[in-house]
Amino acid sequence: MWGNMGPHRLFLIMVAAAFLVMAAVKTVSAAEAVVTDARVGTYAQATRVVLEYSKPLTFTVFTLGNPSRVVVDMPEVGWRLPPRPLPKRTGLFDKMRYGLYKAGQSRIVLDVTEPVRIGKAFVIKPDDGHGHRFVLDLVRTTEAAFLKRLKGPALSVTAGGNAPAQPRAAALTVPQQSAVQPQPAALQSPAFRLAPRKPAIRPHAKKKVVVIDPGHGGVDPGAIGHSGTYEKHITLVVSRELKRQLEATGQYRVLLTRRRDFFIRLRDRVQFAREAGAELFISIHADTIKNRSISGSSVYTLSENASDKMAAELAEKENKADLIAGIDLTHETPVIANILISLRQRDSMNQSARFAALLIKHLKRRTMVLRNTHRMAGFAVLKAPDVPSVLIETGFLSNKTDEQRLRSRAYRNKMATAIVEAIGAYFLQVEEATRR
């Protein structure tokens, strides 16, 4: 085999192979890093946050306003935290969220009780039975100083001390083996722009295109249940089962907006559906509510005005998913919060309402449903102007019974079956209407 190759060609092949091996080793090394603990306490006049992890990492830290948050980015890591609740409100720290922000990048978002500045940020090498540690000190500051800091240059911290001030994009960096990947241009765009109009359905395409959107994900856990169940996990397993059952019929091409536990912006979910040429968009969720006696699934469609107070509060909470994940929305235009419902969207809204009625009919046969099952509100994720869209709340994780149901594979499978039946009935109605 090798005898027929010239020495130059053989050398190039060997070099290429060496690069592939190096890349593989680097990837494995990054993937092996695991965060093993997160602690919060007070230290002198500061609130100290400590992350413990298994291998050297790079951390990029920056602050966001409205509300005040501190964001810590790092290369993609595993999470093996102790079996205890996350740190509770301490000093300037309120609460934290963590998870995969995008492929190759993990994120921690720290909610703070008032404006803060970064007092210190440094790393400690393993010693005395501890792993690598990243230490972040948060110090109280004024609102004016906090806002000024958002606009000013960031501080780059090195092992030898503070480096000169750098542009905002550099943020606050602690050195490590590999750099954090830059954000895609789509996430940096200051204005919300809808994707180009979805491609026309090809006349010979027999399979209907259905996009399923598992709500939340990654650094955005969504609702957290009575016994600690994360909404992002429930929505993903329900969506996977729904995809499996739909594809088993042979009638649908089914796409998921996310196939694993990572974060996706609301507008990117809408854009994904439109670019895929979706004929139906279904967003899967599981909510919590103060009244823990309320239970059952429900179906939401887009409306300029909420159908009731609970629907309005739910839409407001779901529309804050980007903010929860540590995204700076201060430069967004008002369009992202309130896309005007155009005339061409009216037909999609009508189709969505028809599909919602079929969903309720079939869900009632197989699952427990909420009274006044069909509700309406201004959900950002339902605002694709040319794709019939619904949001299904599979139940309330704040209710013990609902949480137990949603943790049951048998119950989730029954729910998926009901949704599949409703989808079949919907497309049958559409075909009958086109024949008239």
Protein backbone atom coordinates (compact mmCIF):
# COMPACT_ATOMS: atom_id res chain seq x y z
CA MET A 1 0.00 0.00 0.00
CA TRP A 2 2.69 2.49 1.08
CA GLY A 3 5.15 1.39 -1.64
CA ASN A 4 3.17 3.13 -4.40
CA MET A 5 3.35 6.53 -2.67
CA GLY A 6 6.09 9.06 -3.19
CA PRO A 7 7.96 10.29 -0.09
CA HIS A 8 6.42 13.78 -0.35
CA ARG A 9 2.85 12.46 -0.43
CA LEU A 10 3.57 10.06 2.42
CA PHE A 11 5.00 12.93 4.48
CA LEU A 12 1.85 15.04 3.93
CA ILE A 13 -0.38 12.16 5.00
CA MET A 14 1.65 11.63 8.15
CA VAL A 15 1.51 15.34 9.02
CA ALA A 16 -2.27 15.42 8.48
CA ALA A 17 -2.68 12.35 10.66
CA ALA A 18 -0.59 13.97 13.39
CA PHE A 19 -2.83 17.08 13.35
CA LEU A 20 -5.95 14.89 13.61
CA VAL A 21 -4.51 13.05 16.60
CA MET A 22 -3.56 16.35 18.28
CA ALA A 23 -7.05 17.74 17.69
CA ALA A 24 -8.64 14.59 19.09
CA VAL A 25 -6.46 14.71 22.19
CA LYS A 26 -7.27 18.40 22.73
CA THR A 27 -11.02 17.74 22.37
CA VAL A 28 -10.94 14.83 24.79
CA SER A 29 -8.94 16.90 27.26
CA ALA A 30 -11.52 19.71 27.21
CA ALA A 31 -14.41 17.26 27.47
CA GLU A 32 -12.82 15.59 30.51
CA ALA A 33 -12.93 18.77 32.61
CA VAL A 34 -15.61 18.48 35.30
CA VAL A 35 -16.96 21.07 37.75
CA THR A 36 -17.21 19.25 41.07
CA ASP A 37 -18.42 21.93 43.49
CA ALA A 38 -19.81 25.45 43.76
CA ARG A 39 -19.61 27.35 47.05
CA VAL A 40 -20.67 30.86 48.13
CA GLY A 41 -19.71 32.69 51.29
CA THR A 42 -18.67 36.05 52.68
CA TYR A 43 -15.03 37.11 52.86
CA ALA A 44 -14.13 40.46 54.41
CA GLN A 45 -16.35 43.00 52.58
CA ALA A 46 -16.90 40.71 49.57
CA THR A 47 -19.21 37.88 48.60
CA ARG A 48 -16.96 35.05 47.42
CA VAL A 49 -17.97 32.49 44.79
CA VAL A 50 -15.72 29.44 44.42
CA LEU A 51 -15.88 26.84 41.65
CA GLU A 52 -13.87 23.64 42.02
CA TYR A 53 -12.98 21.64 38.90
CA SER A 54 -10.81 18.78 37.73
CA LYS A 55 -8.57 20.26 34.99
CA PRO A 56 -7.22 23.74 34.13
CA LEU A 57 -9.82 25.96 32.47
CA THR A 58 -10.22 29.49 31.10
CA PHE A 59 -12.91 31.67 32.65
CA THR A 60 -14.39 34.79 31.08
CA VAL A 61 -16.41 36.98 33.44
CA PHE A 62 -18.63 39.97 32.68
CA THR A 63 -21.58 41.80 34.20
CA LEU A 64 -25.01 42.53 32.76
CA GLY A 65 -27.65 45.00 33.87
CA ASN A 66 -31.44 45.14 34.03
CA PRO A 67 -31.40 43.05 36.16
CA SER A 68 -27.89 42.92 37.62
CA ARG A 69 -26.10 39.67 36.79
CA VAL A 70 -22.59 38.26 36.68
CA VAL A 71 -21.86 35.80 33.87
CA VAL A 72 -19.03 33.26 33.96
CA ASP A 73 -18.16 31.51 30.68
CA MET A 74 -15.79 28.57 30.24
CA PRO A 75 -15.11 25.82 27.72
CA GLU A 76 -17.65 22.99 27.71
CA VAL A 77 -17.42 21.01 30.94
CA GLY A 78 -19.18 18.20 32.72
CA TRP A 79 -21.09 18.83 35.95
CA ARG A 80 -20.73 16.56 38.94
CA LEU A 81 -21.86 18.73 41.82
CA PRO A 82 -22.45 17.29 45.31
CA PRO A 83 -25.97 15.93 46.02
CA ARG A 84 -27.13 19.01 47.86
CA PRO A 85 -29.10 22.14 46.89
CA LEU A 86 -27.28 24.90 45.03
CA PRO A 87 -25.96 27.79 47.16
CA LYS A 88 -28.70 29.94 48.66
CA ARG A 89 -28.88 33.70 49.05
CA THR A 90 -25.69 34.88 50.70
CA GLY A 91 -24.36 38.43 50.88
CA LEU A 92 -24.70 39.98 47.41
CA PHE A 93 -25.41 36.57 45.82
CA ASP A 94 -29.03 35.64 45.13
CA LYS A 95 -29.03 32.44 43.05
CA MET A 96 -27.21 30.71 40.22
CA ARG A 97 -27.90 28.76 37.05
CA TYR A 98 -25.47 26.64 35.06
CA GLY A 99 -25.29 24.48 31.96
CA LEU A 100 -24.27 24.27 28.32
CA TYR A 101 -24.71 27.64 26.62
CA LYS A 102 -23.73 26.37 23.17
CA ALA A 103 -21.50 23.64 21.75
CA GLY A 104 -18.04 24.08 23.25
CA GLN A 105 -19.08 26.66 25.85
CA SER A 106 -20.59 26.28 29.31
CA ARG A 107 -22.00 29.16 31.32
CA ILE A 108 -22.84 30.08 34.90
CA VAL A 109 -25.19 33.00 35.56
CA LEU A 110 -25.11 34.57 39.01
CA ASP A 111 -28.10 36.69 39.99
CA VAL A 112 -27.10 39.40 42.48
CA THR A 113 -29.24 41.38 44.88
CA GLU A 114 -27.78 44.78 43.94
CA PRO A 115 -25.15 46.32 41.64
CA VAL A 116 -21.70 44.76 42.08
CA ARG A 117 -18.18 45.05 40.76
CA ILE A 118 -15.57 42.32 40.42
CA GLY A 119 -13.23 42.77 43.37
CA LYS A 120 -10.89 39.87 42.61
CA ALA A 121 -10.79 36.94 40.19
CA PHE A 122 -8.04 34.34 40.40
CA VAL A 123 -7.30 30.63 40.21
CA ILE A 124 -5.75 28.31 42.80
CA LYS A 125 -3.87 25.16 41.88
CA PRO A 126 -4.87 21.84 43.51
CA ASP A 127 -3.75 21.44 47.14
CA ASP A 128 -4.86 19.91 50.44
CA GLY A 129 -7.29 17.54 48.78
CA HIS A 130 -8.97 20.25 46.70
CA GLY A 131 -8.98 20.40 42.91
CA HIS A 132 -8.42 23.47 40.77
CA ARG A 133 -10.41 26.43 42.09
CA PHE A 134 -11.69 29.59 40.48
CA VAL A 135 -12.36 32.36 43.01
CA LEU A 136 -14.56 35.36 42.27
CA ASP A 137 -15.11 38.17 44.78
CA LEU A 138 -18.16 40.39 44.32
CA VAL A 139 -18.12 43.81 45.97
CA ARG A 140 -21.02 46.23 46.44
CA THR A 141 -20.96 49.31 44.18
CA THR A 142 -23.28 52.15 43.18
CA GLU A 143 -25.78 51.93 40.33
CA ALA A 144 -23.93 54.70 38.48
CA ALA A 145 -20.56 52.95 38.83
CA PHE A 146 -22.10 49.64 37.76
CA LEU A 147 -23.60 51.14 34.60
CA LYS A 148 -20.35 52.96 33.81
CA ARG A 149 -18.46 49.70 34.12
CA LEU A 150 -20.79 48.04 31.60
CA LYS A 151 -19.73 50.59 28.99
CA GLY A 152 -16.04 50.73 29.87
CA PRO A 153 -13.10 48.44 29.09
CA ALA A 154 -12.91 45.06 30.78
CA LEU A 155 -10.12 43.84 33.05
CA SER A 156 -7.98 40.93 31.88
CA VAL A 157 -6.55 38.97 34.82
CA THR A 158 -3.46 36.81 34.36
CA ALA A 159 -1.58 34.49 36.69
CA GLY A 160 0.95 37.26 37.33
CA GLY A 161 -1.61 39.98 38.05
CA ASN A 162 -3.90 42.38 36.23
CA ALA A 163 -3.18 43.07 32.58
CA PRO A 164 -3.89 46.45 30.91
CA ALA A 165 -7.52 47.28 30.23
CA GLN A 166 -8.85 45.68 27.06
CA PRO A 167 -11.92 46.23 24.86
CA ARG A 168 -15.29 45.11 26.17
CA ALA A 169 -15.31 41.92 24.07
CA ALA A 170 -12.30 40.63 25.98
CA ALA A 171 -14.23 40.63 29.28
CA LEU A 172 -12.48 39.45 32.45
CA THR A 173 -10.24 36.50 31.60
CA VAL A 174 -8.32 33.99 33.72
CA PRO A 175 -5.82 31.99 31.60
CA GLN A 176 -6.15 28.32 30.69
CA GLN A 177 -5.28 25.81 27.98
CA SER A 178 -7.87 26.71 25.32
CA ALA A 179 -9.82 29.83 24.45
CA VAL A 180 -13.59 30.17 24.66
CA GLN A 181 -15.19 30.08 21.24
CA PRO A 182 -16.58 33.41 19.97
CA GLN A 183 -20.32 33.88 19.79
CA PRO A 184 -21.93 33.28 16.40
CA ALA A 185 -22.89 36.43 14.53
CA ALA A 186 -26.55 35.48 14.84
CA LEU A 187 -26.32 35.85 18.63
CA GLN A 188 -24.50 39.19 18.44
CA SER A 189 -26.96 40.91 16.13
CA PRO A 190 -28.49 43.90 17.92
CA ALA A 191 -31.85 43.72 16.17
CA PHE A 192 -34.36 40.93 15.86
CA ARG A 193 -34.80 40.00 12.22
CA LEU A 194 -37.01 37.18 11.10
CA ALA A 195 -35.47 34.56 8.88
CA PRO A 196 -36.27 34.71 5.16
CA ARG A 197 -39.70 33.41 4.37
CA LYS A 198 -39.74 29.64 4.67
CA PRO A 199 -39.11 27.68 1.45
CA ALA A 200 -42.18 26.73 -0.53
CA ILE A 201 -43.27 23.16 0.00
CA ARG A 202 -42.11 21.02 -2.89
CA PRO A 203 -45.08 19.52 -4.75
CA HIS A 204 -43.62 16.02 -4.61
CA ALA A 205 -42.66 16.14 -0.95
CA LYS A 206 -45.03 13.66 0.73
CA LYS A 207 -43.86 13.97 4.31
CA LYS A 208 -45.15 16.85 6.38
CA VAL A 209 -42.47 18.87 8.16
CA VAL A 210 -43.02 19.17 11.91
CA VAL A 211 -40.62 21.06 14.18
CA ILE A 212 -40.68 20.21 17.88
CA ASP A 213 -39.15 22.67 20.31
CA PRO A 214 -38.03 21.28 23.69
CA GLY A 215 -38.29 24.37 25.88
CA HIS A 216 -35.35 25.85 27.81
CA GLY A 217 -32.05 23.92 28.03
CA GLY A 218 -28.45 24.33 29.08
CA VAL A 219 -27.90 27.30 31.35
CA ASP A 220 -31.67 27.94 31.37
CA PRO A 221 -33.26 25.11 33.43
CA GLY A 222 -36.79 26.43 33.13
CA ALA A 223 -39.12 25.58 35.99
CA ILE A 224 -37.84 23.42 38.85
CA GLY A 225 -40.28 20.94 40.32
CA HIS A 226 -41.40 20.21 43.84
CA SER A 227 -38.80 17.42 44.20
CA GLY A 228 -36.13 19.02 42.02
CA THR A 229 -37.18 17.94 38.52
CA TYR A 230 -35.87 20.31 35.85
CA GLU A 231 -38.28 21.45 33.15
CA LYS A 232 -35.50 21.34 30.52
CA HIS A 233 -35.10 17.59 31.07
CA ILE A 234 -38.84 16.85 30.90
CA THR A 235 -39.29 18.86 27.69
CA LEU A 236 -36.42 17.02 26.01
CA VAL A 237 -37.61 13.49 26.84
CA VAL A 238 -41.20 14.33 25.84
CA SER A 239 -39.99 15.83 22.55
CA ARG A 240 -37.80 12.82 21.77
CA GLU A 241 -40.71 10.43 22.35
CA LEU A 242 -43.01 12.59 20.23
CA LYS A 243 -40.42 12.59 17.43
CA ARG A 244 -40.07 8.80 17.66
CA GLN A 245 -43.81 8.20 17.43
CA LEU A 246 -44.30 10.67 14.56
CA GLU A 247 -41.48 9.16 12.52
CA ALA A 248 -42.84 5.67 13.16
CA THR A 249 -45.94 6.58 11.12
CA GLY A 250 -43.79 7.25 8.04
CA GLN A 251 -45.79 10.41 7.31
CA TYR A 252 -43.59 13.11 8.82
CA ARG A 253 -40.16 14.65 8.67
CA VAL A 254 -39.54 15.66 12.29
CA LEU A 255 -36.88 18.10 13.49
CA LEU A 256 -35.96 19.11 17.04
CA THR A 257 -34.71 22.62 17.79
CA ARG A 258 -32.32 20.99 20.26
CA ARG A 259 -31.33 17.35 20.61
CA ARG A 260 -29.34 17.65 23.83
CA ASP A 261 -29.06 19.84 26.90
CA PHE A 262 -27.93 23.22 25.57
CA PHE A 263 -29.33 26.73 25.37
CA ILE A 264 -31.01 28.24 22.27
CA ARG A 265 -32.27 31.81 22.00
CA LEU A 266 -36.01 32.24 21.47
CA ARG A 267 -35.59 33.97 18.11
CA ASP A 268 -33.26 31.20 16.91
CA ARG A 269 -35.99 28.63 17.64
CA VAL A 270 -38.41 30.62 15.47
CA GLN A 271 -35.81 31.03 12.73
CA PHE A 272 -34.99 27.31 12.79
CA ALA A 273 -38.63 26.41 12.17
CA ARG A 274 -39.03 28.88 9.29
CA GLU A 275 -35.80 27.86 7.57
CA ALA A 276 -36.79 24.19 7.86
CA GLY A 277 -40.04 24.90 6.01
CA ALA A 278 -42.08 23.77 9.02
CA GLU A 279 -45.77 23.18 8.46
CA LEU A 280 -46.34 22.90 12.20
CA PHE A 281 -44.33 24.14 15.20
CA ILE A 282 -44.86 22.64 18.66
CA SER A 283 -43.06 24.05 21.71
CA ILE A 284 -43.02 21.72 24.72
CA HIS A 285 -42.96 23.10 28.29
CA ALA A 286 -43.82 22.27 31.93
CA ASP A 287 -44.56 25.19 34.23
CA THR A 288 -44.62 25.99 37.94
CA ILE A 289 -47.15 28.23 39.65
CA LYS A 290 -47.68 29.59 43.17
CA ASN A 291 -50.95 27.67 43.60
CA ARG A 292 -49.60 24.12 43.92
CA SER A 293 -53.07 22.58 43.70
CA ILE A 294 -53.37 23.45 40.00
CA SER A 295 -52.53 20.56 37.68
CA GLY A 296 -53.06 19.26 34.15
CA SER A 297 -51.80 20.01 30.65
CA SER A 298 -52.86 23.02 28.59
CA VAL A 299 -52.36 24.46 25.10
CA TYR A 300 -51.37 28.04 24.29
CA THR A 301 -51.57 29.96 21.04
CA LEU A 302 -50.42 33.45 20.09
CA SER A 303 -52.62 36.44 20.79
CA GLU A 304 -52.09 40.18 21.03
CA ASN A 305 -53.96 40.07 24.36
CA ALA A 306 -53.64 37.38 27.01
CA SER A 307 -56.75 35.30 27.66
CA ASP A 308 -56.27 35.55 31.43
CA LYS A 309 -53.82 36.64 34.13
CA MET A 310 -52.15 33.23 34.40
CA ALA A 311 -51.52 33.13 30.64
CA ALA A 312 -50.04 36.63 30.73
CA GLU A 313 -47.72 35.74 33.63
CA LEU A 314 -46.61 32.54 31.92
CA ALA A 315 -45.81 34.34 28.65
CA GLU A 316 -43.85 37.01 30.53
CA LYS A 317 -41.82 34.33 32.30
CA GLU A 318 -41.14 32.26 29.17
CA ASN A 319 -40.16 35.36 27.18
CA LYS A 320 -37.41 36.05 29.73
CA ALA A 321 -35.53 32.86 28.81
CA ASP A 322 -32.79 34.80 26.98
CA LEU A 323 -32.28 37.09 29.97
CA ILE A 324 -32.09 34.10 32.32
CA ALA A 325 -29.33 32.57 30.18
CA GLY A 326 -27.15 35.64 30.59
CA ILE A 327 -27.74 37.42 27.28
CA ASP A 328 -27.45 41.20 27.07
CA LEU A 329 -30.79 42.47 25.75
CA THR A 330 -30.18 46.15 26.49
CA HIS A 331 -29.26 46.87 22.85
CA GLU A 332 -32.18 44.96 21.33
CA THR A 333 -34.86 46.90 19.52
CA PRO A 334 -38.41 46.71 20.94
CA VAL A 335 -39.29 44.37 18.07
CA ILE A 336 -37.85 41.37 19.89
CA ALA A 337 -40.27 41.88 22.76
CA ASN A 338 -43.32 42.69 20.68
CA ILE A 339 -43.35 41.63 17.02
CA LEU A 340 -46.32 43.28 15.36
CA ILE A 341 -48.86 40.73 14.24
CA SER A 342 -49.29 41.31 10.54
CA LEU A 343 -52.14 40.39 8.27
CA ARG A 344 -50.22 37.42 6.87
CA GLN A 345 -49.90 36.13 10.44
CA ARG A 346 -53.65 36.05 10.90
CA ASP A 347 -54.03 32.88 8.84
CA SER A 348 -51.31 31.14 10.83
CA MET A 349 -53.01 32.20 14.05
CA ASN A 350 -56.31 30.77 12.84
CA GLN A 351 -54.63 27.51 11.85
CA SER A 352 -52.91 27.40 15.24
CA ALA A 353 -56.26 27.77 17.00
CA ARG A 354 -57.74 24.92 14.96
CA PHE A 355 -54.80 22.68 15.82
CA ALA A 356 -55.09 23.67 19.49
CA ALA A 357 -58.73 22.54 19.53
CA LEU A 358 -57.72 19.13 18.12
CA LEU A 359 -54.89 18.84 20.65
CA ILE A 360 -57.26 19.46 23.55
CA LYS A 361 -59.73 16.90 22.20
CA HIS A 362 -57.09 14.16 22.04
CA LEU A 363 -55.22 15.12 25.22
CA LYS A 364 -58.48 14.88 27.20
CA ARG A 365 -58.86 11.28 26.11
CA ARG A 366 -55.44 10.17 27.37
CA THR A 367 -54.14 12.67 29.96
CA MET A 368 -55.23 15.06 32.66
CA VAL A 369 -55.90 18.56 31.35
CA LEU A 370 -56.30 21.97 32.94
CA ARG A 371 -59.73 23.56 33.09
CA ASN A 372 -60.05 26.19 30.32
CA THR A 373 -57.40 24.19 28.47
CA HIS A 374 -56.91 26.55 25.50
CA ARG A 375 -55.27 29.80 26.55
CA MET A 376 -53.70 32.67 24.63
CA ALA A 377 -50.82 35.10 25.22
CA GLY A 378 -47.92 36.83 23.47
CA PHE A 379 -45.29 34.08 23.51
CA ALA A 380 -42.17 35.14 21.57
CA VAL A 381 -41.51 31.57 20.48
CA LEU A 382 -44.91 31.39 18.71
CA LYS A 383 -44.38 34.48 16.55
CA ALA A 384 -43.32 32.91 13.26
CA PRO A 385 -45.66 34.73 10.86
CA ASP A 386 -46.16 31.84 8.46
CA VAL A 387 -45.97 28.68 10.60
CA PRO A 388 -48.97 27.46 12.65
CA SER A 389 -47.56 27.25 16.17
CA VAL A 390 -48.66 26.07 19.61
CA LEU A 391 -47.07 25.81 23.03
CA ILE A 392 -48.01 22.77 25.10
CA GLU A 393 -47.67 22.97 28.86
CA THR A 394 -47.43 19.27 29.69
CA GLY A 395 -48.26 19.92 33.35
CA PHE A 396 -47.24 21.81 36.48
CA LEU A 397 -44.01 20.75 38.17
CA SER A 398 -45.16 22.71 41.22
CA ASN A 399 -47.89 20.08 41.69
CA LYS A 400 -46.68 16.79 43.24
CA THR A 401 -49.04 14.64 41.18
CA ASP A 402 -48.21 16.34 37.89
CA GLU A 403 -44.49 16.06 38.61
CA GLN A 404 -44.86 12.33 39.29
CA ARG A 405 -46.84 11.92 36.07
CA LEU A 406 -44.22 13.71 33.99
CA ARG A 407 -41.48 11.60 35.52
CA SER A 408 -43.38 8.50 34.36
CA ARG A 409 -42.39 7.18 30.93
CA ALA A 410 -45.80 5.54 30.49
CA TYR A 411 -47.60 8.84 31.06
CA ARG A 412 -45.25 10.75 28.75
CA ASN A 413 -45.78 8.13 26.05
CA LYS A 414 -49.58 8.49 26.36
CA MET A 415 -49.24 12.25 26.03
CA ALA A 416 -47.05 11.87 22.93
CA THR A 417 -49.61 9.50 21.41
CA ALA A 418 -52.39 12.04 21.96
CA ILE A 419 -50.31 14.75 20.25
CA VAL A 420 -49.54 12.44 17.30
CA GLU A 421 -53.27 11.73 16.89
CA ALA A 422 -54.03 15.46 16.93
CA ILE A 423 -51.32 16.17 14.33
CA GLY A 424 -52.78 13.52 12.04
CA ALA A 425 -56.27 14.97 12.41
CA TYR A 426 -54.97 18.49 11.74
CA PHE A 427 -53.25 17.63 8.47
CA LEU A 428 -56.30 15.64 7.39
CA GLN A 429 -58.41 18.79 7.89
CA VAL A 430 -55.90 20.85 5.91
CA GLU A 431 -55.98 18.39 3.01
CA GLU A 432 -59.77 18.29 3.00
CA ALA A 433 -59.91 22.11 2.96
CA THR A 434 -57.57 22.30 -0.06
CA ARG A 435 -59.80 19.93 -2.03
CA ARG A 436 -62.84 22.19 -1.70
